[in-house]
């Protein structure tokens, strides 16, 4: 049973497709979202060989299918990087957070004008119009890799951007694959030359 956090179904669905676009520091990528990352510079990422999941937090707790898609994709891609899932004694835990919102920007004009003939004098025009703001959906996925003993944050990846809530489950999976791949391109962090 999902947890109702006051978000409508369409906003929760928007989380599912938020993984539609990744750009890094303003550069367009295949997914079209903005991806950022941060990490503990003192952490030994070479020692992080096994992982386990923490319960989903925030809005992620309310969308079981989206959580399953993200977890399955992340599990597969981490295993391709030499990490293995562990039931107990994992080297790091993974936390997932989802959030979303609607924004309004720009506008679309809607109007009607009618000309009415009036005797010999010609005609009178009656018109009206109004402007309607354009609604955009935005979503964010945050993945936290946490030390299981100290509960301190080791690595964080964030993907955020515009979403389209009308995509099919197959399209959602393709976008999730692209977003997770983009996020994990920064894990483990590249070692700095000394």
Protein backbone atom coordinates (compact mmCIF):
# COMPACT_ATOMS: atom_id res chain seq x y z
CA UNK A 1 0.00 0.00 0.00
CA UNK A 2 1.44 3.36 -1.03
CA UNK A 3 1.87 6.27 1.29
CA UNK A 4 -0.28 9.30 0.37
CA UNK A 5 1.86 12.39 0.77
CA UNK A 6 -0.62 14.84 -0.72
CA UNK A 7 0.59 14.57 -4.30
CA UNK A 8 -1.88 13.80 -7.06
CA UNK A 9 -1.52 10.72 -9.23
CA UNK A 10 -0.36 12.87 -12.15
CA UNK A 11 2.45 14.39 -10.08
CA UNK A 12 3.51 10.93 -8.84
CA UNK A 13 3.40 9.70 -12.43
CA UNK A 14 5.56 12.68 -13.34
CA UNK A 15 8.23 11.27 -11.02
CA UNK A 16 8.20 8.13 -13.08
CA UNK A 17 9.08 10.01 -16.21
CA UNK A 18 11.22 12.66 -14.66
CA UNK A 19 14.12 10.73 -15.90
CA UNK A 20 13.52 12.09 -19.39
CA UNK A 21 16.41 14.49 -19.71
CA UNK A 22 19.92 14.98 -18.20
CA UNK A 23 22.41 17.75 -18.81
CA UNK A 24 25.65 18.14 -16.96
CA UNK A 25 26.58 21.67 -16.07
CA UNK A 26 24.44 22.94 -18.91
CA UNK A 27 25.59 20.44 -21.55
CA UNK A 28 22.87 18.38 -23.18
CA UNK A 29 23.02 14.62 -22.73
CA UNK A 30 20.93 11.75 -24.01
CA UNK A 31 18.41 11.89 -21.17
CA UNK A 32 17.94 15.68 -21.08
CA UNK A 33 18.02 16.07 -17.28
CA UNK A 34 20.52 17.90 -15.10
CA UNK A 35 22.81 15.51 -13.23
CA UNK A 36 25.03 16.56 -10.36
CA UNK A 37 27.05 14.60 -7.85
CA UNK A 38 28.99 15.14 -4.66
CA UNK A 39 31.05 12.85 -2.45
CA UNK A 40 33.14 12.52 0.67
CA UNK A 41 36.72 13.10 -0.50
CA UNK A 42 38.04 11.04 2.43
CA UNK A 43 36.01 7.93 1.55
CA UNK A 44 37.75 4.82 0.21
CA UNK A 45 35.57 3.99 -2.80
CA UNK A 46 37.77 1.02 -3.73
CA UNK A 47 36.52 -0.73 -0.57
CA UNK A 48 32.85 -0.37 -1.55
CA UNK A 49 32.21 -3.74 -3.15
CA UNK A 50 28.77 -4.75 -1.84
CA UNK A 51 25.53 -2.82 -1.41
CA UNK A 52 22.08 -3.07 0.07
CA UNK A 53 18.98 -0.85 -0.06
CA UNK A 54 17.43 1.36 2.57
CA UNK A 55 13.62 1.77 2.46
CA UNK A 56 12.55 4.42 -0.09
CA UNK A 57 11.99 7.87 1.41
CA UNK A 58 9.64 10.75 0.63
CA UNK A 59 7.49 10.40 -2.45
CA UNK A 60 9.37 7.29 -3.56
CA UNK A 61 7.46 5.35 -0.91
CA UNK A 62 4.21 6.03 -2.77
CA UNK A 63 5.13 4.70 -6.24
CA UNK A 64 5.98 1.02 -6.05
CA UNK A 65 6.41 0.48 -9.80
CA UNK A 66 8.77 3.42 -10.21
CA UNK A 67 10.85 2.31 -7.22
CA UNK A 68 11.07 -1.20 -8.67
CA UNK A 69 12.22 0.14 -12.06
CA UNK A 70 14.89 2.36 -10.51
CA UNK A 71 16.14 -0.34 -8.11
CA UNK A 72 16.36 -3.02 -10.80
CA UNK A 73 18.22 -0.67 -13.13
CA UNK A 74 20.62 0.51 -10.43
CA UNK A 75 21.27 -3.07 -9.26
CA UNK A 76 22.12 -4.15 -12.81
CA UNK A 77 24.36 -1.17 -13.53
CA UNK A 78 26.19 -1.40 -10.19
CA UNK A 79 26.85 -5.10 -10.82
CA UNK A 80 28.32 -4.15 -14.21
CA UNK A 81 30.71 -1.93 -12.24
CA UNK A 82 31.82 -4.88 -10.07
CA UNK A 83 29.54 -4.25 -7.06
CA UNK A 84 27.37 -7.05 -5.68
CA UNK A 85 24.09 -7.00 -3.77
CA UNK A 86 24.33 -8.20 -0.16
CA UNK A 87 21.60 -9.19 2.28
CA UNK A 88 23.83 -8.41 5.27
CA UNK A 89 27.11 -6.65 5.98
CA UNK A 90 27.00 -4.49 2.85
CA UNK A 91 29.83 -2.01 2.30
CA UNK A 92 27.33 0.74 1.49
CA UNK A 93 23.58 1.35 1.64
CA UNK A 94 21.55 3.04 -1.07
CA UNK A 95 18.83 5.54 -0.26
CA UNK A 96 16.38 6.87 -2.85
CA UNK A 97 14.33 10.07 -2.75
CA UNK A 98 11.85 11.39 -5.33
CA UNK A 99 10.20 14.78 -5.49
CA UNK A 100 8.21 16.70 -8.05
CA UNK A 101 6.34 19.90 -8.66
CA UNK A 102 4.37 21.81 -11.24
CA UNK A 103 5.68 25.14 -12.46
CA UNK A 104 4.01 27.75 -14.57
CA UNK A 105 5.79 29.88 -17.13
CA UNK A 106 5.13 31.55 -20.44
CA UNK A 107 1.58 31.77 -21.64
CA UNK A 108 -0.81 30.77 -24.36
CA UNK A 109 -3.29 33.33 -25.68
CA UNK A 110 -6.92 32.30 -26.16
CA UNK A 111 -9.43 34.71 -27.65
CA UNK A 112 -12.60 35.16 -29.68
CA UNK A 113 -13.77 38.09 -31.81
CA UNK A 114 -17.18 38.46 -33.46
CA UNK A 115 -18.27 41.15 -35.94
CA UNK A 116 -21.94 42.09 -35.83
CA UNK A 117 -23.47 44.14 -38.71
CA UNK A 118 -25.49 47.13 -37.39
CA UNK A 119 -27.71 48.99 -39.91
CA UNK A 120 -26.03 51.37 -42.37
CA UNK A 121 -23.38 52.46 -39.91
CA UNK A 122 -21.31 49.37 -40.44
CA UNK A 123 -20.57 46.87 -37.79
CA UNK A 124 -19.61 46.54 -34.20
CA UNK A 125 -16.91 44.13 -33.14
CA UNK A 126 -17.05 42.35 -29.86
CA UNK A 127 -14.00 40.46 -28.73
CA UNK A 128 -12.30 39.03 -25.75
CA UNK A 129 -9.25 37.10 -24.87
CA UNK A 130 -7.18 35.90 -22.01
CA UNK A 131 -3.77 34.46 -21.40
CA UNK A 132 -3.26 31.05 -19.85
CA UNK A 133 -0.02 30.05 -18.14
CA UNK A 134 1.74 26.95 -19.46
CA UNK A 135 2.05 24.20 -16.83
CA UNK A 136 5.31 22.26 -16.71
CA UNK A 137 6.09 19.26 -14.53
CA UNK A 138 9.52 18.92 -12.96
CA UNK A 139 10.92 15.97 -11.05
CA UNK A 140 14.02 15.04 -9.10
CA UNK A 141 15.67 11.73 -8.23
CA UNK A 142 18.32 11.64 -5.49
CA UNK A 143 20.46 8.56 -4.83
CA UNK A 144 22.50 8.50 -1.61
CA UNK A 145 25.25 5.97 -0.93
CA UNK A 146 25.65 5.77 2.85
CA UNK A 147 28.15 4.16 5.22
CA UNK A 148 26.14 1.45 7.04
CA UNK A 149 28.05 1.85 10.31
CA UNK A 150 28.26 5.61 10.71
CA UNK A 151 25.22 6.51 8.55
CA UNK A 152 27.37 9.24 6.97
CA UNK A 153 26.88 10.16 3.33
CA UNK A 154 29.60 8.81 1.02
CA UNK A 155 28.24 9.79 -2.42
CA UNK A 156 25.16 11.56 -3.77
CA UNK A 157 23.84 11.71 -7.31
CA UNK A 158 20.94 13.98 -8.28
CA UNK A 159 18.97 14.08 -11.54
CA UNK A 160 16.38 16.80 -12.11
CA UNK A 161 14.46 18.30 -14.98
CA UNK A 162 11.24 18.47 -16.96
CA UNK A 163 9.04 15.39 -17.14
CA UNK A 164 6.23 14.13 -19.35
CA UNK A 165 3.61 12.17 -17.38
CA UNK A 166 2.12 10.62 -20.53
CA UNK A 167 4.92 8.23 -21.45
CA UNK A 168 4.44 4.46 -21.59
CA UNK A 169 6.05 2.09 -19.06
CA UNK A 170 8.55 1.04 -21.76
CA UNK A 171 9.54 4.66 -22.43
CA UNK A 172 9.86 5.25 -18.70
CA UNK A 173 12.22 2.27 -18.41
CA UNK A 174 14.38 3.53 -21.28
CA UNK A 175 14.68 6.95 -19.64
CA UNK A 176 15.43 5.44 -16.24
CA UNK A 177 18.19 3.36 -17.84
CA UNK A 178 19.72 6.50 -19.39
CA UNK A 179 19.46 8.58 -16.21
CA UNK A 180 20.94 5.91 -13.94
CA UNK A 181 23.79 5.35 -16.42
CA UNK A 182 24.49 9.09 -16.43
CA UNK A 183 24.44 9.26 -12.62
CA UNK A 184 26.69 6.22 -12.23
CA UNK A 185 29.20 7.61 -14.71
CA UNK A 186 30.34 9.61 -11.64
CA UNK A 187 30.62 6.57 -9.35
CA UNK A 188 33.14 5.81 -8.14
CA UNK A 189 34.56 9.32 -8.38
CA UNK A 190 37.61 9.67 -10.60
CA UNK A 191 40.85 9.63 -8.65
CA UNK A 192 42.81 12.87 -8.70
CA UNK A 193 46.42 12.72 -9.81
CA UNK A 194 48.80 13.50 -6.98
